[in-house]
Structures are given as structure tokens and as C-alpha cells.
Amino acid sequence: MEKEDIIKAVIKIFESKGLKFSVLDIATYLKTSKRTIYKFFENKESLLISAVDYVFDDIEKQHYEILKTDRDILSKL
């Protein structure tokens, strides 16, 4: 289990439950224990912050990939 796996699970569960998810929800989804989640993250807040950072980093990567293509400006938009 890696930190990224947990973050992806948080994003997936957040899509269906919103902020009402629990660390137990994440652990159940990943078929692991809450203790494993807490090895990587201090609390639910740190899980959410990491998930938001992950999403924004992904958006930034996609943005960069689009900009470096040789497509015209209209298709880049």
C-alpha cells in the first residue's frame, strides 16, 4: 500500500459521500486497517489536504502537457 493509493481512494469516496466519509470508509474500500491509513496520514484533515494537492498537481500536469503540444491556441483551450 502506498500513499498515492490512499489518496486515490479518498478522492473516489469523496465523490460519493462528500465530507461525510470516515477513515474507516477509506480502510474498508482499500481492504486494509485504519492503522495502515494512519501510518501515512495524521488525521482526516491531512487526508483531505493531500487529496486536494494531488488533484491540483494533476491539473497542473495536464495543463503543462497541453501547453507543450504544437496544436493551435484554439484547440489548446
Protein backbone atom coordinates (compact mmCIF):
# COMPACT_ATOMS: atom_id res chain seq x y z
CA MET A 1 0.00 0.00 0.00
CA GLU A 2 1.33 3.38 -0.99
CA LYS A 3 0.33 6.91 -0.05
CA GLU A 4 -0.97 7.56 -3.57
CA ASP A 5 -3.32 4.55 -3.32
CA ILE A 6 -4.87 6.06 -0.21
CA ILE A 7 -5.21 9.50 -1.81
CA LYS A 8 -6.93 7.99 -4.85
CA ALA A 9 -9.32 6.14 -2.54
CA VAL A 10 -10.09 9.39 -0.69
CA ILE A 11 -10.93 11.08 -3.99
CA LYS A 12 -13.15 8.17 -5.06
CA ILE A 13 -15.04 8.03 -1.77
CA PHE A 14 -15.32 11.83 -1.57
CA GLU A 15 -17.10 11.77 -4.95
CA SER A 16 -19.87 9.63 -3.48
CA LYS A 17 -20.00 10.65 0.20
CA GLY A 18 -18.65 14.19 0.24
CA LEU A 19 -17.11 15.28 3.53
CA LYS A 20 -19.13 12.69 5.43
CA PHE A 21 -16.61 9.93 4.74
CA SER A 22 -14.59 8.41 7.55
CA VAL A 23 -11.14 6.90 7.76
CA LEU A 24 -12.93 3.57 8.24
CA ASP A 25 -14.63 4.11 4.86
CA ILE A 26 -11.20 4.51 3.26
CA ALA A 27 -9.80 1.47 5.05
CA THR A 28 -12.79 -0.65 4.06
CA TYR A 29 -12.54 0.48 0.43
CA LEU A 30 -8.85 -0.43 0.37
CA LYS A 31 -9.39 -3.65 2.34
CA THR A 32 -6.88 -2.59 4.97
CA SER A 33 -6.92 -1.30 8.53
CA LYS A 34 -7.34 2.24 9.80
CA ARG A 35 -3.93 1.82 11.39
CA THR A 36 -2.38 1.46 7.94
CA ILE A 37 -4.02 4.72 6.85
CA TYR A 38 -2.74 6.47 9.97
CA LYS A 39 0.82 5.35 9.16
CA PHE A 40 0.68 7.74 6.21
CA PHE A 41 -1.73 10.43 7.43
CA GLU A 42 -2.15 12.06 10.81
CA ASN A 43 -5.92 12.58 10.53
CA LYS A 44 -8.86 13.08 8.16
CA GLU A 45 -7.88 16.71 7.57
CA SER A 46 -4.43 15.72 6.33
CA LEU A 47 -6.08 13.15 4.05
CA LEU A 48 -8.26 15.87 2.52
CA ILE A 49 -5.38 18.32 2.12
CA SER A 50 -3.28 15.67 0.40
CA ALA A 51 -6.19 14.75 -1.90
CA VAL A 52 -6.74 18.40 -2.88
CA ASP A 53 -3.00 18.84 -3.52
CA TYR A 54 -2.99 15.66 -5.62
CA VAL A 55 -5.90 16.88 -7.75
CA PHE A 56 -4.35 20.31 -8.29
CA ASP A 57 -0.99 18.76 -9.16
CA ASP A 58 -2.73 16.56 -11.72
CA ILE A 59 -4.49 19.59 -13.23
CA GLU A 60 -1.15 21.40 -13.44
CA LYS A 61 0.44 18.40 -15.20
CA GLN A 62 -2.41 18.25 -17.71
CA HIS A 63 -2.11 22.00 -18.27
CA TYR A 64 1.62 21.68 -18.95
CA GLU A 65 1.09 18.77 -21.35
CA ILE A 66 -1.47 20.76 -23.32
CA LEU A 67 0.78 23.82 -23.48
CA LYS A 68 3.76 21.91 -24.82
CA THR A 69 1.83 20.43 -27.74
CA ASP A 70 2.07 22.11 -31.12
CA ARG A 71 -1.69 22.45 -31.50
CA ASP A 72 -3.14 25.85 -32.29
CA ILE A 73 -4.27 28.05 -29.41
CA LEU A 74 -7.97 27.42 -30.01
CA SER A 75 -7.63 23.65 -29.70
CA LYS A 76 -5.49 24.08 -26.59
CA LEU A 77 -8.32 25.98 -24.96
